[in-house]
Amino acid sequence: MSDDLADELEAEIGDLRDLLADRSVRSDIEVVDPDYFPPCIARLLERARAGEELDPHGRFSLLAFLAGLNLEADEAVALSGLDPARGRPLRLPPRRVRRAVPAAVVPDARRVRPV
């Protein structure tokens, strides 16, 4: 990348960084209702509950979303039906996923409407 292009993009990148730095995730959700999950997560949840083995990306996506809702590992297992004893174990409990996933990609809990 040329220095001129990098200089031109620096202001835009700075604005994006500022927007992401100001982002906060609501953690006062008392009831997690899957009816309000994004369609992609709802489908992963449906597949997991049906006993289908999710690929690593699907498992991570589902767990990262649930971690963004501040669910503990046992709550995520109960909600999702992911069985740590069957197939691949849950290697990253939601608490560790929260630390491993940058805030920019953790699902925004404000989109999940509590009931």
N, C-alpha and C. Protein backbone atom coordinates (compact mmCIF):
# COMPACT_ATOMS: atom_id res chain seq x y z
N MET A 1 0.85 -1.16 0.00
CA MET A 1 0.00 0.00 0.00
C MET A 1 0.90 1.23 0.00
N SER A 2 0.53 2.19 -0.82
CA SER A 2 1.34 3.40 -0.89
C SER A 2 1.12 4.26 0.34
N ASP A 3 2.11 5.08 0.65
CA ASP A 3 1.99 5.97 1.81
C ASP A 3 0.84 6.96 1.64
N ASP A 4 0.61 7.42 0.40
CA ASP A 4 -0.48 8.36 0.16
C ASP A 4 -1.83 7.73 0.49
N LEU A 5 -2.01 6.50 0.04
CA LEU A 5 -3.27 5.80 0.31
C LEU A 5 -3.43 5.56 1.81
N ALA A 6 -2.36 5.15 2.45
CA ALA A 6 -2.40 4.91 3.90
C ALA A 6 -2.77 6.19 4.64
N ASP A 7 -2.20 7.32 4.22
CA ASP A 7 -2.51 8.60 4.86
C ASP A 7 -3.98 8.97 4.66
N GLU A 8 -4.50 8.72 3.45
CA GLU A 8 -5.90 9.04 3.17
C GLU A 8 -6.85 8.18 4.02
N LEU A 9 -6.48 6.94 4.23
CA LEU A 9 -7.35 6.04 4.99
C LEU A 9 -7.22 6.21 6.50
N GLU A 10 -6.17 6.83 6.95
CA GLU A 10 -5.92 6.94 8.39
C GLU A 10 -7.07 7.63 9.13
N ALA A 11 -7.63 8.70 8.56
CA ALA A 11 -8.73 9.40 9.22
C ALA A 11 -9.96 8.49 9.32
N GLU A 12 -10.25 7.76 8.24
CA GLU A 12 -11.40 6.84 8.24
C GLU A 12 -11.19 5.73 9.27
N ILE A 13 -10.00 5.19 9.30
CA ILE A 13 -9.68 4.13 10.25
C ILE A 13 -9.78 4.66 11.67
N GLY A 14 -9.31 5.86 11.90
CA GLY A 14 -9.40 6.48 13.22
C GLY A 14 -10.85 6.64 13.66
N ASP A 15 -11.72 7.07 12.72
CA ASP A 15 -13.14 7.21 13.04
C ASP A 15 -13.75 5.87 13.42
N LEU A 16 -13.41 4.82 12.68
CA LEU A 16 -13.93 3.49 12.98
C LEU A 16 -13.44 3.01 14.35
N ARG A 17 -12.18 3.25 14.63
CA ARG A 17 -11.65 2.86 15.95
C ARG A 17 -12.38 3.58 17.07
N ASP A 18 -12.66 4.88 16.87
CA ASP A 18 -13.39 5.65 17.88
C ASP A 18 -14.79 5.09 18.09
N LEU A 19 -15.46 4.74 17.00
CA LEU A 19 -16.81 4.16 17.11
C LEU A 19 -16.79 2.84 17.87
N LEU A 20 -15.81 2.01 17.57
CA LEU A 20 -15.73 0.71 18.24
C LEU A 20 -15.33 0.86 19.70
N ALA A 21 -14.51 1.84 20.02
CA ALA A 21 -14.08 2.05 21.40
C ALA A 21 -15.24 2.49 22.28
N ASP A 22 -16.20 3.21 21.69
CA ASP A 22 -17.34 3.70 22.46
C ASP A 22 -18.43 2.66 22.62
N ARG A 23 -18.28 1.54 21.98
CA ARG A 23 -19.31 0.51 21.98
C ARG A 23 -19.39 -0.18 23.34
N SER A 24 -20.59 -0.37 23.79
CA SER A 24 -20.78 -1.12 25.03
C SER A 24 -21.87 -2.15 24.80
N VAL A 25 -21.74 -3.25 25.49
CA VAL A 25 -22.71 -4.33 25.38
C VAL A 25 -23.55 -4.35 26.65
N ARG A 26 -24.84 -4.35 26.46
CA ARG A 26 -25.75 -4.40 27.61
C ARG A 26 -25.67 -5.76 28.26
N SER A 27 -25.56 -5.79 29.56
CA SER A 27 -25.47 -7.08 30.24
C SER A 27 -26.59 -7.26 31.26
N ASP A 28 -27.65 -6.46 31.14
CA ASP A 28 -28.73 -6.55 32.11
C ASP A 28 -29.92 -7.36 31.59
N ILE A 29 -29.68 -8.25 30.66
CA ILE A 29 -30.74 -9.09 30.12
C ILE A 29 -31.06 -10.17 31.13
N GLU A 30 -32.31 -10.23 31.54
CA GLU A 30 -32.71 -11.22 32.53
C GLU A 30 -33.25 -12.49 31.89
N VAL A 31 -33.87 -12.37 30.72
CA VAL A 31 -34.45 -13.52 30.03
C VAL A 31 -33.87 -13.56 28.63
N VAL A 32 -33.34 -14.70 28.26
CA VAL A 32 -32.80 -14.89 26.91
C VAL A 32 -33.86 -15.64 26.11
N ASP A 33 -34.40 -14.99 25.09
CA ASP A 33 -35.46 -15.58 24.28
C ASP A 33 -34.94 -15.84 22.87
N PRO A 34 -34.75 -17.11 22.50
CA PRO A 34 -34.22 -17.44 21.17
C PRO A 34 -35.08 -16.93 20.02
N ASP A 35 -36.34 -16.58 20.28
CA ASP A 35 -37.19 -16.03 19.22
C ASP A 35 -36.63 -14.72 18.67
N TYR A 36 -35.78 -14.06 19.43
CA TYR A 36 -35.21 -12.78 19.01
C TYR A 36 -33.76 -12.89 18.53
N PHE A 37 -33.24 -14.10 18.42
CA PHE A 37 -31.88 -14.29 17.93
C PHE A 37 -31.83 -13.98 16.43
N PRO A 38 -30.68 -13.55 15.93
CA PRO A 38 -30.53 -13.39 14.48
C PRO A 38 -30.77 -14.73 13.79
N PRO A 39 -31.27 -14.71 12.55
CA PRO A 39 -31.60 -15.96 11.86
C PRO A 39 -30.45 -16.97 11.80
N CYS A 40 -29.23 -16.51 11.59
CA CYS A 40 -28.11 -17.46 11.48
C CYS A 40 -27.87 -18.17 12.82
N ILE A 41 -27.99 -17.45 13.92
CA ILE A 41 -27.80 -18.05 15.24
C ILE A 41 -28.99 -18.94 15.58
N ALA A 42 -30.19 -18.51 15.22
CA ALA A 42 -31.38 -19.33 15.47
C ALA A 42 -31.26 -20.67 14.76
N ARG A 43 -30.74 -20.66 13.54
CA ARG A 43 -30.58 -21.90 12.78
C ARG A 43 -29.52 -22.79 13.44
N LEU A 44 -28.41 -22.22 13.87
CA LEU A 44 -27.39 -23.01 14.58
C LEU A 44 -27.97 -23.61 15.85
N LEU A 45 -28.74 -22.82 16.58
CA LEU A 45 -29.35 -23.31 17.81
C LEU A 45 -30.32 -24.45 17.51
N GLU A 46 -31.11 -24.29 16.47
CA GLU A 46 -32.06 -25.34 16.07
C GLU A 46 -31.32 -26.63 15.72
N ARG A 47 -30.25 -26.51 14.97
CA ARG A 47 -29.46 -27.69 14.58
C ARG A 47 -28.83 -28.35 15.80
N ALA A 48 -28.27 -27.54 16.71
CA ALA A 48 -27.63 -28.10 17.92
C ALA A 48 -28.66 -28.81 18.78
N ARG A 49 -29.83 -28.21 18.93
CA ARG A 49 -30.89 -28.82 19.75
C ARG A 49 -31.40 -30.12 19.13
N ALA A 50 -31.31 -30.22 17.81
CA ALA A 50 -31.76 -31.44 17.12
C ALA A 50 -30.71 -32.55 17.21
N GLY A 51 -29.58 -32.25 17.82
CA GLY A 51 -28.53 -33.25 17.99
C GLY A 51 -27.53 -33.31 16.86
N GLU A 52 -27.64 -32.38 15.91
CA GLU A 52 -26.70 -32.35 14.79
C GLU A 52 -25.34 -31.85 15.29
N GLU A 53 -24.29 -32.48 14.82
CA GLU A 53 -22.93 -32.07 15.20
C GLU A 53 -22.56 -30.83 14.37
N LEU A 54 -22.33 -29.71 15.04
CA LEU A 54 -21.94 -28.48 14.35
C LEU A 54 -20.46 -28.51 14.04
N ASP A 55 -20.08 -27.92 12.91
CA ASP A 55 -18.66 -27.82 12.62
C ASP A 55 -18.04 -26.81 13.59
N PRO A 56 -16.71 -26.77 13.68
CA PRO A 56 -16.06 -25.88 14.66
C PRO A 56 -16.48 -24.42 14.53
N HIS A 57 -16.67 -23.94 13.30
CA HIS A 57 -17.07 -22.54 13.12
C HIS A 57 -18.48 -22.30 13.65
N GLY A 58 -19.37 -23.25 13.40
CA GLY A 58 -20.74 -23.13 13.89
C GLY A 58 -20.80 -23.16 15.41
N ARG A 59 -20.04 -24.09 16.01
CA ARG A 59 -20.00 -24.18 17.48
C ARG A 59 -19.45 -22.88 18.07
N PHE A 60 -18.37 -22.38 17.47
CA PHE A 60 -17.77 -21.15 17.98
C PHE A 60 -18.75 -19.98 17.84
N SER A 61 -19.40 -19.88 16.69
CA SER A 61 -20.35 -18.78 16.47
C SER A 61 -21.47 -18.81 17.49
N LEU A 62 -22.02 -20.00 17.71
CA LEU A 62 -23.10 -20.13 18.68
C LEU A 62 -22.62 -19.81 20.09
N LEU A 63 -21.47 -20.35 20.47
CA LEU A 63 -20.95 -20.08 21.82
C LEU A 63 -20.55 -18.61 21.99
N ALA A 64 -19.99 -18.00 20.95
CA ALA A 64 -19.61 -16.59 21.05
C ALA A 64 -20.84 -15.72 21.23
N PHE A 65 -21.91 -16.05 20.51
CA PHE A 65 -23.15 -15.30 20.66
C PHE A 65 -23.70 -15.44 22.08
N LEU A 66 -23.74 -16.67 22.57
CA LEU A 66 -24.25 -16.91 23.92
C LEU A 66 -23.35 -16.25 24.97
N ALA A 67 -22.05 -16.24 24.72
CA ALA A 67 -21.13 -15.56 25.64
C ALA A 67 -21.40 -14.06 25.65
N GLY A 68 -21.75 -13.51 24.49
CA GLY A 68 -22.09 -12.09 24.41
C GLY A 68 -23.32 -11.74 25.22
N LEU A 69 -24.14 -12.75 25.50
CA LEU A 69 -25.32 -12.55 26.34
C LEU A 69 -25.00 -12.80 27.81
N ASN A 70 -23.73 -13.04 28.10
CA ASN A 70 -23.24 -13.29 29.46
C ASN A 70 -23.74 -14.60 30.06
N LEU A 71 -23.98 -15.61 29.22
CA LEU A 71 -24.35 -16.93 29.74
C LEU A 71 -23.09 -17.66 30.19
N GLU A 72 -23.20 -18.39 31.27
CA GLU A 72 -22.11 -19.25 31.72
C GLU A 72 -22.13 -20.53 30.90
N ALA A 73 -21.08 -21.32 31.01
CA ALA A 73 -20.95 -22.54 30.21
C ALA A 73 -22.13 -23.48 30.43
N ASP A 74 -22.53 -23.70 31.67
CA ASP A 74 -23.65 -24.63 31.92
C ASP A 74 -24.96 -24.10 31.36
N GLU A 75 -25.15 -22.79 31.39
CA GLU A 75 -26.35 -22.19 30.81
C GLU A 75 -26.35 -22.33 29.29
N ALA A 76 -25.18 -22.13 28.68
CA ALA A 76 -25.06 -22.27 27.23
C ALA A 76 -25.34 -23.70 26.80
N VAL A 77 -24.84 -24.66 27.56
CA VAL A 77 -25.08 -26.08 27.26
C VAL A 77 -26.57 -26.39 27.39
N ALA A 78 -27.20 -25.90 28.45
CA ALA A 78 -28.62 -26.16 28.67
C ALA A 78 -29.47 -25.55 27.56
N LEU A 79 -29.15 -24.34 27.16
CA LEU A 79 -29.93 -23.66 26.13
C LEU A 79 -29.72 -24.27 24.75
N SER A 80 -28.47 -24.58 24.44
CA SER A 80 -28.13 -25.01 23.08
C SER A 80 -28.31 -26.49 22.84
N GLY A 81 -28.22 -27.28 23.89
CA GLY A 81 -28.26 -28.72 23.68
C GLY A 81 -26.93 -29.28 23.25
N LEU A 82 -25.89 -28.45 23.18
CA LEU A 82 -24.55 -28.95 22.87
C LEU A 82 -24.12 -29.86 24.00
N ASP A 83 -23.74 -31.06 23.67
CA ASP A 83 -23.39 -32.05 24.68
C ASP A 83 -21.88 -32.19 24.74
N PRO A 84 -21.25 -31.72 25.83
CA PRO A 84 -19.79 -31.82 25.91
C PRO A 84 -19.31 -33.27 25.91
N ALA A 85 -20.16 -34.21 26.30
CA ALA A 85 -19.75 -35.62 26.34
C ALA A 85 -19.84 -36.27 24.96
N ARG A 86 -20.61 -35.67 24.05
CA ARG A 86 -20.78 -36.24 22.71
C ARG A 86 -19.95 -35.45 21.71
N GLY A 87 -19.20 -36.14 20.92
CA GLY A 87 -18.41 -35.45 19.90
C GLY A 87 -17.31 -34.62 20.52
N ARG A 88 -17.11 -33.46 19.95
CA ARG A 88 -16.04 -32.59 20.41
C ARG A 88 -16.47 -31.84 21.66
N PRO A 89 -15.61 -31.81 22.66
CA PRO A 89 -15.98 -31.11 23.90
C PRO A 89 -16.03 -29.60 23.70
N LEU A 90 -16.70 -28.93 24.60
CA LEU A 90 -16.71 -27.47 24.60
C LEU A 90 -15.36 -27.01 25.15
N ARG A 91 -14.46 -26.70 24.26
CA ARG A 91 -13.10 -26.37 24.69
C ARG A 91 -13.00 -24.98 25.30
N LEU A 92 -13.79 -24.06 24.79
CA LEU A 92 -13.76 -22.70 25.32
C LEU A 92 -15.09 -22.38 25.98
N PRO A 93 -15.13 -22.36 27.30
CA PRO A 93 -16.38 -21.95 27.94
C PRO A 93 -16.68 -20.50 27.58
N PRO A 94 -17.95 -20.08 27.62
CA PRO A 94 -18.29 -18.72 27.22
C PRO A 94 -17.45 -17.63 27.88
N ARG A 95 -17.07 -17.80 29.13
CA ARG A 95 -16.25 -16.78 29.80
C ARG A 95 -14.93 -16.58 29.06
N ARG A 96 -14.31 -17.67 28.59
CA ARG A 96 -13.05 -17.56 27.85
C ARG A 96 -13.29 -17.04 26.45
N VAL A 97 -14.42 -17.38 25.85
CA VAL A 97 -14.73 -16.86 24.52
C VAL A 97 -14.85 -15.35 24.60
N ARG A 98 -15.50 -14.84 25.65
CA ARG A 98 -15.65 -13.39 25.81
C ARG A 98 -14.30 -12.70 25.82
N ARG A 99 -13.31 -13.34 26.45
CA ARG A 99 -11.97 -12.73 26.49
C ARG A 99 -11.25 -12.89 25.17
N ALA A 100 -11.55 -13.95 24.42
CA ALA A 100 -10.83 -14.24 23.19
C ALA A 100 -11.37 -13.49 21.99
N VAL A 101 -12.65 -13.11 22.02
CA VAL A 101 -13.28 -12.49 20.87
C VAL A 101 -13.25 -10.98 21.04
N PRO A 102 -12.73 -10.25 20.04
CA PRO A 102 -12.71 -8.80 20.14
C PRO A 102 -14.12 -8.24 20.27
N ALA A 103 -14.27 -7.13 20.97
CA ALA A 103 -15.58 -6.53 21.19
C ALA A 103 -16.31 -6.25 19.88
N ALA A 104 -15.56 -6.00 18.83
CA ALA A 104 -16.18 -5.67 17.55
C ALA A 104 -16.95 -6.84 16.96
N VAL A 105 -16.64 -8.07 17.35
CA VAL A 105 -17.35 -9.21 16.76
C VAL A 105 -18.23 -9.94 17.76
N VAL A 106 -18.25 -9.51 19.01
CA VAL A 106 -19.17 -10.11 19.97
C VAL A 106 -20.55 -9.57 19.66
N PRO A 107 -21.54 -10.43 19.56
CA PRO A 107 -22.88 -9.97 19.20
C PRO A 107 -23.38 -8.89 20.14
N ASP A 108 -24.12 -7.95 19.58
CA ASP A 108 -24.65 -6.85 20.35
C ASP A 108 -25.89 -7.33 21.09
N ALA A 109 -25.81 -7.43 22.39
CA ALA A 109 -26.91 -7.97 23.20
C ALA A 109 -28.14 -7.08 23.14
N ARG A 110 -27.99 -5.83 22.72
CA ARG A 110 -29.16 -4.96 22.63
C ARG A 110 -30.14 -5.43 21.56
N ARG A 111 -29.68 -6.24 20.62
CA ARG A 111 -30.57 -6.75 19.58
C ARG A 111 -31.45 -7.89 20.10
N VAL A 112 -31.12 -8.45 21.22
CA VAL A 112 -31.91 -9.53 21.79
C VAL A 112 -32.87 -8.91 22.79
N ARG A 113 -34.13 -8.88 22.41
CA ARG A 113 -35.13 -8.21 23.24
C ARG A 113 -35.56 -9.12 24.39
N PRO A 114 -35.36 -8.68 25.63
CA PRO A 114 -35.80 -9.50 26.76
C PRO A 114 -37.32 -9.56 26.82
N VAL A 115 -37.85 -10.69 27.28
CA VAL A 115 -39.31 -10.83 27.41
C VAL A 115 -39.71 -10.79 28.87
